[in-house]
Structures are given as structure tokens and as C-alpha cells.
Amino acid sequence: MRNATTLLMMSVLVLAATGVARGDWTGAATVRDESFYVPSSDLTLGAYTNTHSNARAEGYVIANPFQINLEYQAGILEADIANINTYLYPANAAFPPGHSDGTWTKNYSDNDQYILTVDCDGGAPVYTYGEQDPVIDPTIDWALTSWGQTILAGDIVSETGGVYLRVQPAGTYRPFVADPPVNDVEVFDGTLACEVLGYHVCGTCSGIGEGSALTAELVPEPASMSLLALGGLGVLIRRRRRK
């Protein structure tokens, strides 16, 4: 009965999240419903550097433009979330007033300014914009950093055929400080929910290096989650009836 109750609560929460628009803009339930949605993307690692002045951290440069989406969430305007998800994205009639239109296809077009630091023994540095020294946390094995700010970080766990760079806390983006703002889209306080749960890498942790491909794992679409929850609930109800 406890399992059935848990699944019922999950399904109610998921259906509520998918059926109720939160925000001030398009009324879309999630960022994935927007016409301009570009999925959060994989990463490819470039050369190792320990002299990158903008990133401050040392590690592997991100070789290609990449996408990291923030989720629509309580207390934050949808327009502000969309502005960072679509940073300088081509014009769209749904954009709010004041949005800057441009030609980028990924919101992190300054990929060469971002560094992935990996420490398989723990203790990868986590930087906060405006602070001179990073935080060294033994539970943090990797961090994605630029301009003196770590935006994603977490631990590394083994899996079949490789390792998984897991974002910790789960699905958490670490924004630049909002006051004073460092650019025209990072206008947030505190940590934020994002679409990226982590990255899968073939091989071992010590084998991560130039040329490594990091395959992004994304938050499941709410529709899929609700179907899964309802399907599981149906199975449990049928089993209980048979008993």
C-alpha cells in the first residue's frame, strides 16, 4: 500500500506540474514546450590548460558551443529563464520585449572560456564569482567553471562501461551573483533547477581528457514521468486486487 500511495502522490505532482502554467509569459508548462527549445547538449573536451585567465580553474577547455537549460521554476519570471536558455537566439515572435536577438544556436557560444576540472580523488575547486579563493570540497570530483564562477559541479560514480559525472545537488545550476549583475541574463539569486542531471563518459575517471565525449543526461520530460507513474500505479492496483 505504501508503494501505491507513493506512486499516486508522484503522479498527482507530475500532472499538476505539467498542467499548470507558472509564470508571466507564454503559458508553457515547461521549457521543452517552447517553440525555440534547444535540448541541453553533450560536451566535448579540448586541450588541457592551467593558464586560462578567464576560467581561473585549470582543466580541459570545452571544445564546442553547448547548451544548458534552466527549468521554469517558482519565484522566477519565465522571461528571465528563457533569456538565458535562448541567449542571443534568432528572433521569435514569442520573445518578451527587450530580448536581444542574435545568431547563436547554443546559449554557451563562449565555450572556449569554460574549463572542466576533474579530480578523481575528490576536491575539485568550486569557484564563486567575486571571491578570490575556491571552495575545496572532498565530495566534489568535477566542476565546470568560467569567469570565476562554477556553474555545474558534482561527484563521479562508476557505471557499466564508464563513469557518470553526476550534478550535485541533483539538477542544480549555480548562477553568477545577481547583484551587481555580471551580464544581461544572469539575474538570479541562489541555486536553480536545470535540465542537466549529469554526463556519461566511456572508460575510467582517470581516462577523461582531451577528446573525451560527455553525453548529457537530461531531466525526463514531465509527460513521460506521468505516464511512468500512472503505469506503475496501475500495475500495483491490479496486483492488490488479485491478492
Protein backbone atom coordinates (compact mmCIF):
# COMPACT_ATOMS: atom_id res chain seq x y z
CA MET A 1 0.00 0.00 0.00
CA ARG A 2 2.87 2.36 0.79
CA ASN A 3 4.29 1.90 -2.74
CA ALA A 4 0.92 2.54 -4.32
CA THR A 5 0.41 5.68 -2.23
CA THR A 6 3.86 6.96 -3.17
CA LEU A 7 3.22 6.45 -6.88
CA LEU A 8 -0.17 8.13 -6.57
CA MET A 9 1.45 11.18 -4.97
CA MET A 10 4.11 11.23 -7.70
CA SER A 11 1.52 11.10 -10.44
CA VAL A 12 -0.56 13.89 -8.88
CA LEU A 13 2.52 16.11 -8.52
CA VAL A 14 3.67 15.41 -12.07
CA LEU A 15 0.24 16.03 -13.56
CA ALA A 16 -0.02 19.26 -11.58
CA ALA A 17 3.36 20.37 -12.87
CA THR A 18 2.51 19.60 -16.48
CA GLY A 19 -0.98 21.04 -16.42
CA VAL A 20 -0.42 24.36 -14.67
CA ALA A 21 1.49 27.19 -16.28
CA ARG A 22 3.80 29.03 -13.90
CA GLY A 23 4.96 32.48 -14.87
CA ASP A 24 4.21 35.58 -16.83
CA TRP A 25 4.99 34.80 -20.43
CA THR A 26 3.94 32.10 -22.88
CA GLY A 27 2.00 29.85 -20.55
CA ALA A 28 4.15 26.82 -21.48
CA ALA A 29 4.27 24.19 -18.75
CA THR A 30 7.99 23.51 -19.24
CA VAL A 31 10.88 24.91 -21.24
CA ARG A 32 10.54 21.87 -23.52
CA ASP A 33 7.16 23.16 -24.72
CA GLU A 34 8.61 26.36 -26.18
CA SER A 35 8.98 26.70 -29.94
CA PHE A 36 12.59 27.85 -29.51
CA TYR A 37 13.62 24.97 -27.24
CA VAL A 38 17.10 23.53 -27.87
CA PRO A 39 17.93 20.49 -25.68
CA SER A 40 20.82 20.74 -23.28
CA SER A 41 23.73 19.28 -25.19
CA ASP A 42 26.72 16.96 -24.85
CA LEU A 43 30.22 18.28 -24.15
CA THR A 44 33.49 17.55 -25.94
CA LEU A 45 36.75 18.23 -24.15
CA GLY A 46 39.57 20.14 -25.78
CA ALA A 47 43.15 20.71 -24.67
CA TYR A 48 44.28 20.88 -21.07
CA THR A 49 45.29 24.30 -19.78
CA ASN A 50 46.50 25.75 -16.49
CA THR A 51 46.90 29.34 -17.70
CA HIS A 52 43.32 30.29 -18.62
CA SER A 53 42.79 33.70 -17.02
CA ASN A 54 39.02 33.91 -17.50
CA ALA A 55 38.17 30.48 -16.11
CA ARG A 56 40.76 30.76 -13.28
CA ALA A 57 40.42 26.99 -12.85
CA GLU A 58 42.70 24.57 -14.70
CA GLY A 59 41.41 21.66 -16.72
CA TYR A 60 40.05 20.85 -20.17
CA VAL A 61 38.62 23.55 -22.39
CA ILE A 62 35.14 22.82 -23.76
CA ALA A 63 35.73 22.33 -27.48
CA ASN A 64 32.30 23.21 -28.93
CA PRO A 65 29.39 25.55 -28.19
CA PHE A 66 27.00 23.88 -25.77
CA GLN A 67 23.54 24.27 -24.28
CA ILE A 68 22.45 24.17 -20.63
CA ASN A 69 18.79 24.93 -19.99
CA LEU A 70 17.31 26.23 -16.79
CA GLU A 71 13.84 24.99 -15.88
CA TYR A 72 10.82 27.20 -15.32
CA GLN A 73 10.50 27.40 -11.54
CA ALA A 74 8.60 29.14 -8.79
CA GLY A 75 9.59 32.69 -7.97
CA ILE A 76 11.40 33.41 -11.26
CA LEU A 77 9.91 35.03 -14.34
CA GLU A 78 9.60 32.74 -17.33
CA ALA A 79 11.04 35.51 -19.48
CA ASP A 80 14.22 35.58 -17.39
CA ILE A 81 14.62 31.81 -17.66
CA ALA A 82 14.00 31.92 -21.42
CA ASN A 83 16.50 34.74 -21.86
CA ILE A 84 19.38 32.60 -20.62
CA ASN A 85 18.12 29.46 -22.40
CA THR A 86 17.92 31.33 -25.70
CA TYR A 87 20.79 33.78 -25.20
CA LEU A 88 21.06 35.76 -28.43
CA TYR A 89 18.90 33.21 -30.19
CA PRO A 90 17.29 34.21 -33.53
CA ALA A 91 14.18 36.36 -33.34
CA ASN A 92 10.94 34.69 -32.30
CA ALA A 93 7.51 36.30 -32.03
CA ALA A 94 7.09 34.80 -28.56
CA PHE A 95 10.10 36.64 -27.12
CA PRO A 96 9.29 39.26 -24.49
CA PRO A 97 10.04 42.97 -25.00
CA GLY A 98 13.71 43.81 -24.61
CA HIS A 99 15.03 40.41 -25.61
CA SER A 100 18.28 40.60 -27.58
CA ASP A 101 18.11 38.75 -30.87
CA GLY A 102 21.21 37.26 -32.45
CA THR A 103 22.56 34.30 -34.38
CA TRP A 104 23.81 31.78 -31.80
CA THR A 105 22.44 28.24 -31.91
CA LYS A 106 23.65 27.30 -28.39
CA ASN A 107 23.42 29.52 -25.34
CA TYR A 108 27.06 28.87 -24.36
CA SER A 109 28.74 30.10 -27.51
CA ASP A 110 31.76 31.21 -25.45
CA ASN A 111 32.66 27.57 -24.89
CA ASP A 112 36.40 28.26 -25.12
CA GLN A 113 36.10 30.25 -21.90
CA TYR A 114 34.80 27.20 -19.94
CA ILE A 115 37.01 24.66 -18.22
CA LEU A 116 36.12 21.19 -16.95
CA THR A 117 38.18 20.29 -13.89
CA VAL A 118 38.33 16.63 -12.86
CA ASP A 119 39.76 15.26 -9.61
CA CYS A 120 39.05 11.54 -9.31
CA ASP A 121 40.04 11.57 -5.63
CA GLY A 122 37.69 14.43 -4.76
CA GLY A 123 38.42 18.06 -4.03
CA ALA A 124 37.80 19.74 -7.40
CA PRO A 125 37.66 23.51 -6.77
CA VAL A 126 34.29 25.27 -6.81
CA TYR A 127 34.52 28.99 -7.64
CA THR A 128 32.14 31.80 -6.77
CA TYR A 129 32.26 34.99 -8.80
CA GLY A 130 33.85 37.84 -6.87
CA GLU A 131 35.59 35.61 -4.35
CA GLN A 132 39.33 35.09 -4.67
CA ASP A 133 39.66 31.52 -3.40
CA PRO A 134 37.60 28.47 -4.40
CA VAL A 135 35.90 26.09 -2.00
CA ILE A 136 37.61 22.69 -1.88
CA ASP A 137 35.02 20.02 -1.10
CA PRO A 138 36.19 16.39 -0.93
CA THR A 139 32.80 15.23 -2.25
CA ILE A 140 33.18 17.24 -5.49
CA ASP A 141 35.04 15.35 -8.23
CA TRP A 142 34.37 17.64 -11.20
CA ALA A 143 33.40 21.22 -11.90
CA LEU A 144 32.53 23.32 -14.96
CA THR A 145 33.86 26.84 -14.48
CA SER A 146 34.41 30.15 -16.25
CA TRP A 147 34.74 33.85 -15.42
CA GLY A 148 35.41 32.91 -11.79
CA GLN A 149 32.10 31.04 -11.40
CA THR A 150 31.42 27.29 -11.28
CA ILE A 151 28.05 26.66 -12.94
CA LEU A 152 27.87 22.84 -12.60
CA ALA A 153 29.68 20.51 -10.20
CA GLY A 154 29.27 17.10 -8.63
CA ASP A 155 30.68 13.65 -7.97
CA ILE A 156 31.77 10.83 -10.28
CA VAL A 157 30.30 7.34 -9.95
CA SER A 158 31.09 4.14 -11.83
CA GLU A 159 28.58 2.61 -14.23
CA THR A 160 28.62 -0.16 -16.82
CA GLY A 161 31.22 0.70 -19.45
CA GLY A 162 32.21 4.01 -17.96
CA VAL A 163 31.65 6.71 -15.38
CA TYR A 164 28.91 9.21 -14.67
CA LEU A 165 29.60 12.83 -13.82
CA ARG A 166 26.60 13.48 -11.61
CA VAL A 167 25.43 17.04 -10.92
CA GLN A 168 25.17 17.67 -7.19
CA PRO A 169 22.83 18.74 -5.75
CA ALA A 170 20.77 16.94 -8.39
CA GLY A 171 19.88 19.10 -11.38
CA THR A 172 21.35 22.24 -9.82
CA TYR A 173 22.80 25.18 -11.74
CA ARG A 174 24.98 27.62 -9.84
CA PRO A 175 24.36 31.11 -11.25
CA PHE A 176 26.59 34.14 -11.17
CA VAL A 177 25.73 36.63 -8.44
CA ALA A 178 22.78 38.84 -9.31
CA ASP A 179 23.93 41.99 -7.53
CA PRO A 180 25.76 43.51 -9.21
CA PRO A 181 24.79 41.63 -12.38
CA VAL A 182 27.69 40.32 -14.46
CA ASN A 183 25.72 40.26 -17.73
CA ASP A 184 22.23 40.89 -19.06
CA VAL A 185 20.84 37.39 -18.46
CA GLU A 186 22.32 36.16 -15.16
CA VAL A 187 19.83 37.90 -12.87
CA PHE A 188 19.18 35.16 -10.32
CA ASP A 189 19.83 34.51 -6.65
CA GLY A 190 20.66 31.12 -5.14
CA THR A 191 20.87 27.80 -6.93
CA LEU A 192 18.47 26.97 -9.75
CA ALA A 193 16.85 23.86 -11.20
CA CYS A 194 18.35 22.94 -14.56
CA GLU A 195 17.76 20.29 -17.21
CA VAL A 196 21.15 18.57 -16.87
CA LEU A 197 21.40 15.72 -14.37
CA GLY A 198 24.91 14.68 -15.39
CA TYR A 199 27.20 13.42 -18.15
CA HIS A 200 28.09 9.85 -19.16
CA VAL A 201 31.69 9.12 -20.22
CA CYS A 202 33.08 5.88 -21.62
CA GLY A 203 36.10 4.44 -19.82
CA THR A 204 37.50 5.34 -16.43
CA CYS A 205 37.68 8.57 -14.49
CA SER A 206 41.45 8.75 -14.96
CA GLY A 207 40.91 8.35 -18.71
CA ILE A 208 38.91 11.58 -19.02
CA GLY A 209 40.91 14.03 -21.10
CA GLU A 210 41.28 15.81 -24.42
CA GLY A 211 38.83 14.39 -26.94
CA SER A 212 36.54 12.81 -24.33
CA ALA A 213 32.84 12.92 -25.19
CA LEU A 214 30.45 13.69 -22.33
CA THR A 215 26.90 12.58 -23.10
CA ALA A 216 24.31 14.65 -21.28
CA GLU A 217 21.58 13.02 -19.23
CA LEU A 218 18.55 15.28 -19.01
CA VAL A 219 15.60 15.56 -16.66
CA PRO A 220 12.82 13.31 -18.03
CA GLU A 221 10.01 15.10 -19.79
CA PRO A 222 7.06 15.54 -17.41
CA ALA A 223 4.72 13.70 -19.80
CA SER A 224 6.99 10.64 -19.72
CA MET A 225 7.24 10.82 -15.95
CA SER A 226 3.47 11.00 -15.53
CA LEU A 227 2.89 8.05 -17.85
CA LEU A 228 5.52 6.04 -15.99
CA ALA A 229 3.99 6.89 -12.63
CA LEU A 230 0.46 6.12 -13.74
CA GLY A 231 1.55 2.89 -15.40
CA GLY A 232 3.31 1.75 -12.26
CA LEU A 233 0.29 2.69 -10.17
CA GLY A 234 -1.97 0.62 -12.41
CA VAL A 235 0.26 -2.43 -12.00
CA LEU A 236 0.24 -2.10 -8.21
CA ILE A 237 -3.54 -1.70 -8.09
CA ARG A 238 -4.06 -4.81 -10.24
CA ARG A 239 -1.69 -6.81 -8.05
CA ARG A 240 -3.51 -5.67 -4.90
CA ARG A 241 -6.88 -6.66 -6.36
CA ARG A 242 -5.57 -10.14 -7.18
CA LYS A 243 -4.46 -10.58 -3.59
